[in-house]
Amino acid sequence: MSEIEQSTTREQGTAPTPELVRAIGDAITADDAAEIRSLITDIKGPDLADLIELLSPGQRVGLIQALGPDFDFEVLAWVDEKVRD
């Protein structure tokens, strides 16, 4: 992998795509915790924070509730301050 590819991969990680955000929103609406967990399996840290920022306020709550005790609240440190408030 070239240095540029590594840099891009590191910066982007598993950043949420619009399709992923839509699928997670649909799973939240359907109250399908198993689907939500399946969709975010590989999303960690800052990328999960990005996802949270892209969801509506109600969906954010739904995501955290669906993950239950598996939600790492340290992720909120990466969420934009305006969204956290």
PDB file of N, CA and C in Angstrom:
ATOM      1  N   MET A   1       0.861  -1.184   0.000  1.00  0.00           N
ATOM      2  CA  MET A   1       0.000   0.000   0.000  1.00  0.00           C
ATOM      3  C   MET A   1       0.899   1.235   0.000  1.00  0.00           C
ATOM      4  N   SER A   2       0.602   2.187  -0.871  1.00  0.00           N
ATOM      5  CA  SER A   2       1.409   3.390  -0.960  1.00  0.00           C
ATOM      6  C   SER A   2       1.176   4.280   0.264  1.00  0.00           C
ATOM      7  N   GLU A   3       2.085   5.222   0.443  1.00  0.00           N
ATOM      8  CA  GLU A   3       1.967   6.154   1.558  1.00  0.00           C
ATOM      9  C   GLU A   3       0.667   6.958   1.471  1.00  0.00           C
ATOM     10  N   ILE A   4       0.274   7.338   0.268  1.00  0.00           N
ATOM     11  CA  ILE A   4      -0.973   8.099   0.074  1.00  0.00           C
ATOM     12  C   ILE A   4      -2.166   7.242   0.450  1.00  0.00           C
ATOM     13  N   GLU A   5      -2.172   5.981   0.009  1.00  0.00           N
ATOM     14  CA  GLU A   5      -3.279   5.089   0.353  1.00  0.00           C
ATOM     15  C   GLU A   5      -3.361   4.879   1.851  1.00  0.00           C
ATOM     16  N   GLN A   6      -2.207   4.723   2.504  1.00  0.00           N
ATOM     17  CA  GLN A   6      -2.202   4.542   3.953  1.00  0.00           C
ATOM     18  C   GLN A   6      -2.739   5.780   4.645  1.00  0.00           C
ATOM     19  N   SER A   7      -2.324   6.946   4.188  1.00  0.00           N
ATOM     20  CA  SER A   7      -2.787   8.193   4.781  1.00  0.00           C
ATOM     21  C   SER A   7      -4.296   8.337   4.617  1.00  0.00           C
ATOM     22  N   THR A   8      -4.789   8.058   3.417  1.00  0.00           N
ATOM     23  CA  THR A   8      -6.221   8.163   3.156  1.00  0.00           C
ATOM     24  C   THR A   8      -6.987   7.157   3.993  1.00  0.00           C
ATOM     25  N   THR A   9      -6.490   5.931   4.070  1.00  0.00           N
ATOM     26  CA  THR A   9      -7.150   4.900   4.856  1.00  0.00           C
ATOM     27  C   THR A   9      -7.180   5.298   6.323  1.00  0.00           C
ATOM     28  N   ARG A  10      -6.082   5.797   6.830  1.00  0.00           N
ATOM     29  CA  ARG A  10      -6.010   6.186   8.239  1.00  0.00           C
ATOM     30  C   ARG A  10      -6.953   7.341   8.528  1.00  0.00           C
ATOM     31  N   GLU A  11      -6.966   8.323   7.642  1.00  0.00           N
ATOM     32  CA  GLU A  11      -7.820   9.488   7.858  1.00  0.00           C
ATOM     33  C   GLU A  11      -9.289   9.117   7.754  1.00  0.00           C
ATOM     34  N   GLN A  12      -9.612   8.260   6.787  1.00  0.00           N
ATOM     35  CA  GLN A  12     -11.007   7.934   6.568  1.00  0.00           C
ATOM     36  C   GLN A  12     -11.458   6.740   7.392  1.00  0.00           C
ATOM     37  N   GLY A  13     -10.568   5.822   7.693  1.00  0.00           N
ATOM     38  CA  GLY A  13     -10.934   4.645   8.459  1.00  0.00           C
ATOM     39  C   GLY A  13     -12.151   3.982   7.859  1.00  0.00           C
ATOM     40  N   THR A  14     -13.132   3.741   8.684  1.00  0.00           N
ATOM     41  CA  THR A  14     -14.390   3.176   8.208  1.00  0.00           C
ATOM     42  C   THR A  14     -15.482   4.227   8.351  1.00  0.00           C
ATOM     43  N   ALA A  15     -15.172   5.417   7.855  1.00  0.00           N
ATOM     44  CA  ALA A  15     -16.116   6.526   7.960  1.00  0.00           C
ATOM     45  C   ALA A  15     -17.470   6.121   7.394  1.00  0.00           C
ATOM     46  N   PRO A  16     -18.526   6.537   8.046  1.00  0.00           N
ATOM     47  CA  PRO A  16     -19.870   6.147   7.609  1.00  0.00           C
ATOM     48  C   PRO A  16     -20.251   6.757   6.269  1.00  0.00           C
ATOM     49  N   THR A  17     -20.748   5.917   5.389  1.00  0.00           N
ATOM     50  CA  THR A  17     -21.241   6.372   4.089  1.00  0.00           C
ATOM     51  C   THR A  17     -22.703   6.790   4.242  1.00  0.00           C
ATOM     52  N   PRO A  18     -23.224   7.556   3.296  1.00  0.00           N
ATOM     53  CA  PRO A  18     -24.644   7.909   3.352  1.00  0.00           C
ATOM     54  C   PRO A  18     -25.547   6.672   3.385  1.00  0.00           C
ATOM     55  N   GLU A  19     -25.135   5.637   2.664  1.00  0.00           N
ATOM     56  CA  GLU A  19     -25.925   4.401   2.645  1.00  0.00           C
ATOM     57  C   GLU A  19     -25.951   3.750   4.025  1.00  0.00           C
ATOM     58  N   LEU A  20     -24.803   3.755   4.697  1.00  0.00           N
ATOM     59  CA  LEU A  20     -24.728   3.180   6.039  1.00  0.00           C
ATOM     60  C   LEU A  20     -25.580   3.983   7.015  1.00  0.00           C
ATOM     61  N   VAL A  21     -25.495   5.291   6.933  1.00  0.00           N
ATOM     62  CA  VAL A  21     -26.289   6.153   7.818  1.00  0.00           C
ATOM     63  C   VAL A  21     -27.778   5.882   7.608  1.00  0.00           C
ATOM     64  N   ARG A  22     -28.180   5.757   6.352  1.00  0.00           N
ATOM     65  CA  ARG A  22     -29.581   5.474   6.033  1.00  0.00           C
ATOM     66  C   ARG A  22     -29.996   4.098   6.574  1.00  0.00           C
ATOM     67  N   ALA A  23     -29.140   3.093   6.384  1.00  0.00           N
ATOM     68  CA  ALA A  23     -29.445   1.737   6.870  1.00  0.00           C
ATOM     69  C   ALA A  23     -29.542   1.700   8.387  1.00  0.00           C
ATOM     70  N   ILE A  24     -28.678   2.420   9.058  1.00  0.00           N
ATOM     71  CA  ILE A  24     -28.734   2.465  10.516  1.00  0.00           C
ATOM     72  C   ILE A  24     -29.987   3.205  10.962  1.00  0.00           C
ATOM     73  N   GLY A  25     -30.311   4.293  10.285  1.00  0.00           N
ATOM     74  CA  GLY A  25     -31.547   5.011  10.602  1.00  0.00           C
ATOM     75  C   GLY A  25     -32.767   4.123  10.443  1.00  0.00           C
ATOM     76  N   ASP A  26     -32.785   3.327   9.380  1.00  0.00           N
ATOM     77  CA  ASP A  26     -33.903   2.400   9.159  1.00  0.00           C
ATOM     78  C   ASP A  26     -33.962   1.346  10.264  1.00  0.00           C
ATOM     79  N   ALA A  27     -32.796   0.832  10.660  1.00  0.00           N
ATOM     80  CA  ALA A  27     -32.746  -0.181  11.721  1.00  0.00           C
ATOM     81  C   ALA A  27     -33.188   0.407  13.057  1.00  0.00           C
ATOM     82  N   ILE A  28     -32.840   1.657  13.301  1.00  0.00           N
ATOM     83  CA  ILE A  28     -33.266   2.326  14.537  1.00  0.00           C
ATOM     84  C   ILE A  28     -34.787   2.480  14.518  1.00  0.00           C
ATOM     85  N   THR A  29     -35.334   2.916  13.395  1.00  0.00           N
ATOM     86  CA  THR A  29     -36.779   3.070  13.259  1.00  0.00           C
ATOM     87  C   THR A  29     -37.496   1.747  13.469  1.00  0.00           C
ATOM     88  N   ALA A  30     -36.902   0.674  12.955  1.00  0.00           N
ATOM     89  CA  ALA A  30     -37.489  -0.667  13.097  1.00  0.00           C
ATOM     90  C   ALA A  30     -37.200  -1.278  14.468  1.00  0.00           C
ATOM     91  N   ASP A  31     -36.443  -0.564  15.290  1.00  0.00           N
ATOM     92  CA  ASP A  31     -36.064  -1.050  16.630  1.00  0.00           C
ATOM     93  C   ASP A  31     -35.377  -2.417  16.527  1.00  0.00           C
ATOM     94  N   ASP A  32     -34.457  -2.515  15.562  1.00  0.00           N
ATOM     95  CA  ASP A  32     -33.750  -3.762  15.278  1.00  0.00           C
ATOM     96  C   ASP A  32     -32.309  -3.664  15.793  1.00  0.00           C
ATOM     97  N   ALA A  33     -32.140  -3.915  17.081  1.00  0.00           N
ATOM     98  CA  ALA A  33     -30.824  -3.793  17.714  1.00  0.00           C
ATOM     99  C   ALA A  33     -29.800  -4.725  17.081  1.00  0.00           C
ATOM    100  N   ALA A  34     -30.218  -5.921  16.699  1.00  0.00           N
ATOM    101  CA  ALA A  34     -29.282  -6.872  16.087  1.00  0.00           C
ATOM    102  C   ALA A  34     -28.741  -6.318  14.769  1.00  0.00           C
ATOM    103  N   GLU A  35     -29.603  -5.710  13.974  1.00  0.00           N
ATOM    104  CA  GLU A  35     -29.166  -5.133  12.702  1.00  0.00           C
ATOM    105  C   GLU A  35     -28.233  -3.954  12.942  1.00  0.00           C
ATOM    106  N   ILE A  36     -28.557  -3.131  13.924  1.00  0.00           N
ATOM    107  CA  ILE A  36     -27.704  -1.983  14.245  1.00  0.00           C
ATOM    108  C   ILE A  36     -26.311  -2.471  14.626  1.00  0.00           C
ATOM    109  N   ARG A  37     -26.244  -3.446  15.512  1.00  0.00           N
ATOM    110  CA  ARG A  37     -24.953  -3.995  15.942  1.00  0.00           C
ATOM    111  C   ARG A  37     -24.192  -4.567  14.751  1.00  0.00           C
ATOM    112  N   SER A  38     -24.900  -5.249  13.873  1.00  0.00           N
ATOM    113  CA  SER A  38     -24.280  -5.834  12.691  1.00  0.00           C
ATOM    114  C   SER A  38     -23.691  -4.744  11.787  1.00  0.00           C
ATOM    115  N   LEU A  39     -24.422  -3.667  11.619  1.00  0.00           N
ATOM    116  CA  LEU A  39     -23.992  -2.598  10.725  1.00  0.00           C
ATOM    117  C   LEU A  39     -22.782  -1.832  11.244  1.00  0.00           C
ATOM    118  N   ILE A  40     -22.634  -1.746  12.558  1.00  0.00           N
ATOM    119  CA  ILE A  40     -21.534  -0.938  13.097  1.00  0.00           C
ATOM    120  C   ILE A  40     -20.399  -1.771  13.681  1.00  0.00           C
ATOM    121  N   THR A  41     -20.379  -3.050  13.403  1.00  0.00           N
ATOM    122  CA  THR A  41     -19.360  -3.938  13.945  1.00  0.00           C
ATOM    123  C   THR A  41     -17.943  -3.400  13.775  1.00  0.00           C
ATOM    124  N   ASP A  42     -17.624  -2.888  12.601  1.00  0.00           N
ATOM    125  CA  ASP A  42     -16.259  -2.446  12.316  1.00  0.00           C
ATOM    126  C   ASP A  42     -16.035  -0.952  12.532  1.00  0.00           C
ATOM    127  N   ILE A  43     -17.025  -0.263  13.052  1.00  0.00           N
ATOM    128  CA  ILE A  43     -16.904   1.184  13.247  1.00  0.00           C
ATOM    129  C   ILE A  43     -16.529   1.457  14.700  1.00  0.00           C
ATOM    130  N   LYS A  44     -15.418   2.104  14.884  1.00  0.00           N
ATOM    131  CA  LYS A  44     -14.914   2.373  16.225  1.00  0.00           C
ATOM    132  C   LYS A  44     -14.530   3.844  16.378  1.00  0.00           C
ATOM    133  N   GLY A  45     -14.356   4.279  17.604  1.00  0.00           N
ATOM    134  CA  GLY A  45     -13.803   5.584  17.947  1.00  0.00           C
ATOM    135  C   GLY A  45     -14.325   6.757  17.158  1.00  0.00           C
ATOM    136  N   PRO A  46     -13.405   7.477  16.515  1.00  0.00           N
ATOM    137  CA  PRO A  46     -13.790   8.697  15.802  1.00  0.00           C
ATOM    138  C   PRO A  46     -14.808   8.445  14.682  1.00  0.00           C
ATOM    139  N   ASP A  47     -14.732   7.288  14.060  1.00  0.00           N
ATOM    140  CA  ASP A  47     -15.691   6.997  12.989  1.00  0.00           C
ATOM    141  C   ASP A  47     -17.100   6.808  13.547  1.00  0.00           C
ATOM    142  N   LEU A  48     -17.204   6.207  14.719  1.00  0.00           N
ATOM    143  CA  LEU A  48     -18.509   6.075  15.371  1.00  0.00           C
ATOM    144  C   LEU A  48     -19.021   7.455  15.786  1.00  0.00           C
ATOM    145  N   ALA A  49     -18.116   8.307  16.225  1.00  0.00           N
ATOM    146  CA  ALA A  49     -18.504   9.682  16.564  1.00  0.00           C
ATOM    147  C   ALA A  49     -19.040  10.399  15.326  1.00  0.00           C
ATOM    148  N   ASP A  50     -18.385  10.193  14.184  1.00  0.00           N
ATOM    149  CA  ASP A  50     -18.872  10.795  12.937  1.00  0.00           C
ATOM    150  C   ASP A  50     -20.274  10.309  12.614  1.00  0.00           C
ATOM    151  N   LEU A  51     -20.503   9.016  12.804  1.00  0.00           N
ATOM    152  CA  LEU A  51     -21.826   8.447  12.554  1.00  0.00           C
ATOM    153  C   LEU A  51     -22.867   9.094  13.465  1.00  0.00           C
ATOM    154  N   ILE A  52     -22.548   9.215  14.729  1.00  0.00           N
ATOM    155  CA  ILE A  52     -23.472   9.829  15.688  1.00  0.00           C
ATOM    156  C   ILE A  52     -23.826  11.249  15.242  1.00  0.00           C
ATOM    157  N   GLU A  53     -22.834  11.988  14.771  1.00  0.00           N
ATOM    158  CA  GLU A  53     -23.080  13.357  14.321  1.00  0.00           C
ATOM    159  C   GLU A  53     -24.011  13.406  13.111  1.00  0.00           C
ATOM    160  N   LEU A  54     -23.977  12.374  12.277  1.00  0.00           N
ATOM    161  CA  LEU A  54     -24.795  12.353  11.065  1.00  0.00           C
ATOM    162  C   LEU A  54     -26.245  11.935  11.316  1.00  0.00           C
ATOM    163  N   LEU A  55     -26.508  11.357  12.469  1.00  0.00           N
ATOM    164  CA  LEU A  55     -27.867  10.921  12.807  1.00  0.00           C
ATOM    165  C   LEU A  55     -28.671  12.071  13.387  1.00  0.00           C
ATOM    166  N   SER A  56     -29.979  11.969  13.312  1.00  0.00           N
ATOM    167  CA  SER A  56     -30.839  12.969  13.954  1.00  0.00           C
ATOM    168  C   SER A  56     -30.748  12.774  15.462  1.00  0.00           C
ATOM    169  N   PRO A  57     -31.145  13.777  16.242  1.00  0.00           N
ATOM    170  CA  PRO A  57     -31.080  13.621  17.695  1.00  0.00           C
ATOM    171  C   PRO A  57     -31.806  12.373  18.214  1.00  0.00           C
ATOM    172  N   GLY A  58     -32.985  12.089  17.692  1.00  0.00           N
ATOM    173  CA  GLY A  58     -33.717  10.900  18.131  1.00  0.00           C
ATOM    174  C   GLY A  58     -33.009   9.614  17.746  1.00  0.00           C
ATOM    175  N   GLN A  59     -32.397   9.616  16.564  1.00  0.00           N
ATOM    176  CA  GLN A  59     -31.667   8.428  16.125  1.00  0.00           C
ATOM    177  C   GLN A  59     -30.422   8.206  16.971  1.00  0.00           C
ATOM    178  N   ARG A  60     -29.795   9.290  17.390  1.00  0.00           N
ATOM    179  CA  ARG A  60     -28.605   9.157  18.261  1.00  0.00           C
ATOM    180  C   ARG A  60     -28.969   8.406  19.531  1.00  0.00           C
ATOM    181  N   VAL A  61     -30.072   8.805  20.130  1.00  0.00           N
ATOM    182  CA  VAL A  61     -30.530   8.138  21.349  1.00  0.00           C
ATOM    183  C   VAL A  61     -30.843   6.677  21.057  1.00  0.00           C
ATOM    184  N   GLY A  62     -31.514   6.432  19.938  1.00  0.00           N
ATOM    185  CA  GLY A  62     -31.858   5.062  19.555  1.00  0.00           C
ATOM    186  C   GLY A  62     -30.629   4.193  19.352  1.00  0.00           C
ATOM    187  N   LEU A  63     -29.598   4.756  18.750  1.00  0.00           N
ATOM    188  CA  LEU A  63     -28.355   4.015  18.534  1.00  0.00           C
ATOM    189  C   LEU A  63     -27.726   3.627  19.861  1.00  0.00           C
ATOM    190  N   ILE A  64     -27.613   4.580  20.746  1.00  0.00           N
ATOM    191  CA  ILE A  64     -26.989   4.319  22.049  1.00  0.00           C
ATOM    192  C   ILE A  64     -27.818   3.318  22.845  1.00  0.00           C
ATOM    193  N   GLN A  65     -29.133   3.453  22.800  1.00  0.00           N
ATOM    194  CA  GLN A  65     -29.986   2.491  23.507  1.00  0.00           C
ATOM    195  C   GLN A  65     -29.862   1.098  22.912  1.00  0.00           C
ATOM    196  N   ALA A  66     -29.771   1.007  21.584  1.00  0.00           N
ATOM    197  CA  ALA A  66     -29.651  -0.301  20.933  1.00  0.00           C
ATOM    198  C   ALA A  66     -28.346  -0.989  21.307  1.00  0.00           C
ATOM    199  N   LEU A  67     -27.294  -0.209  21.475  1.00  0.00           N
ATOM    200  CA  LEU A  67     -26.004  -0.790  21.832  1.00  0.00           C
ATOM    201  C   LEU A  67     -25.920  -1.125  23.318  1.00  0.00           C
ATOM    202  N   GLY A  68     -26.751  -0.463  24.101  1.00  0.00           N
ATOM    203  CA  GLY A  68     -26.805  -0.750  25.536  1.00  0.00           C
ATOM    204  C   GLY A  68     -25.443  -0.666  26.203  1.00  0.00           C
ATOM    205  N   PRO A  69     -25.128  -1.645  27.045  1.00  0.00           N
ATOM    206  CA  PRO A  69     -23.870  -1.594  27.791  1.00  0.00           C
ATOM    207  C   PRO A  69     -22.633  -1.745  26.897  1.00  0.00           C
ATOM    208  N   ASP A  70     -22.824  -2.112  25.639  1.00  0.00           N
ATOM    209  CA  ASP A  70     -21.687  -2.237  24.729  1.00  0.00           C
ATOM    210  C   ASP A  70     -21.259  -0.891  24.149  1.00  0.00           C
ATOM    211  N   PHE A  71     -22.079   0.146  24.358  1.00  0.00           N
ATOM    212  CA  PHE A  71     -21.709   1.460  23.848  1.00  0.00           C
ATOM    213  C   PHE A  71     -20.562   2.015  24.685  1.00  0.00           C
ATOM    214  N   ASP A  72     -19.494   2.423  24.013  1.00  0.00           N
ATOM    215  CA  ASP A  72     -18.333   3.001  24.676  1.00  0.00           C
ATOM    216  C   ASP A  72     -18.535   4.512  24.778  1.00  0.00           C
ATOM    217  N   PHE A  73     -18.867   4.974  25.959  1.00  0.00           N
ATOM    218  CA  PHE A  73     -19.178   6.390  26.136  1.00  0.00           C
ATOM    219  C   PHE A  73     -17.982   7.298  25.881  1.00  0.00           C
ATOM    220  N   GLU A  74     -16.789   6.747  25.840  1.00  0.00           N
ATOM    221  CA  GLU A  74     -15.608   7.548  25.498  1.00  0.00           C
ATOM    222  C   GLU A  74     -15.692   8.078  24.067  1.00  0.00           C
ATOM    223  N   VAL A  75     -16.496   7.436  23.238  1.00  0.00           N
ATOM    224  CA  VAL A  75     -16.707   7.896  21.860  1.00  0.00           C
ATOM    225  C   VAL A  75     -17.259   9.313  21.865  1.00  0.00           C
ATOM    226  N   LEU A  76     -18.034   9.654  22.870  1.00  0.00           N
ATOM    227  CA  LEU A  76     -18.641  10.983  22.919  1.00  0.00           C
ATOM    228  C   LEU A  76     -17.601  12.091  23.004  1.00  0.00           C
ATOM    229  N   ALA A  77     -16.401  11.757  23.433  1.00  0.00           N
ATOM    230  CA  ALA A  77     -15.335  12.759  23.471  1.00  0.00           C
ATOM    231  C   ALA A  77     -14.972  13.217  22.058  1.00  0.00           C
ATOM    232  N   TRP A  78     -15.207  12.381  21.056  1.00  0.00           N
ATOM    233  CA  TRP A  78     -14.907  12.723  19.668  1.00  0.00           C
ATOM    234  C   TRP A  78     -16.076  13.401  18.972  1.00  0.00           C
ATOM    235  N   VAL A  79     -17.247  13.392  19.586  1.00  0.00           N
ATOM    236  CA  VAL A  79     -18.427  14.018  18.982  1.00  0.00           C
ATOM    237  C   VAL A  79     -18.305  15.527  19.121  1.00  0.00           C
ATOM    238  N   ASP A  80     -18.647  16.228  18.059  1.00  0.00           N
ATOM    239  CA  ASP A  80     -18.591  17.687  18.065  1.00  0.00           C
ATOM    240  C   ASP A  80     -19.359  18.248  19.262  1.00  0.00           C
ATOM    241  N   GLU A  81     -18.797  19.244  19.873  1.00  0.00           N
ATOM    242  CA  GLU A  81     -19.387  19.829  21.088  1.00  0.00           C
ATOM    243  C   GLU A  81     -20.827  20.295  20.874  1.00  0.00           C
ATOM    244  N   LYS A  82     -21.134  20.841  19.718  1.00  0.00           N
ATOM    245  CA  LYS A  82     -22.494  21.304  19.433  1.00  0.00           C
ATOM    246  C   LYS A  82     -23.483  20.144  19.433  1.00  0.00           C
ATOM    247  N   VAL A  83     -23.043  18.993  18.984  1.00  0.00           N
ATOM    248  CA  VAL A  83     -23.905  17.817  18.951  1.00  0.00           C
ATOM    249  C   VAL A  83     -24.074  17.259  20.370  1.00  0.00           C
ATOM    250  N   ARG A  84     -23.014  17.278  21.152  1.00  0.00           N
ATOM    251  CA  ARG A  84     -23.091  16.757  22.530  1.00  0.00           C
ATOM    252  C   ARG A  84     -24.054  17.564  23.386  1.00  0.00           C
ATOM    253  N   ASP A  85     -24.141  18.861  23.127  1.00  0.00           N
ATOM    254  CA  ASP A  85     -25.022  19.717  23.931  1.00  0.00           C
ATOM    255  C   ASP A  85     -26.436  19.449  23.551  1.00  0.00           C
TER     256      ASP A  85
END
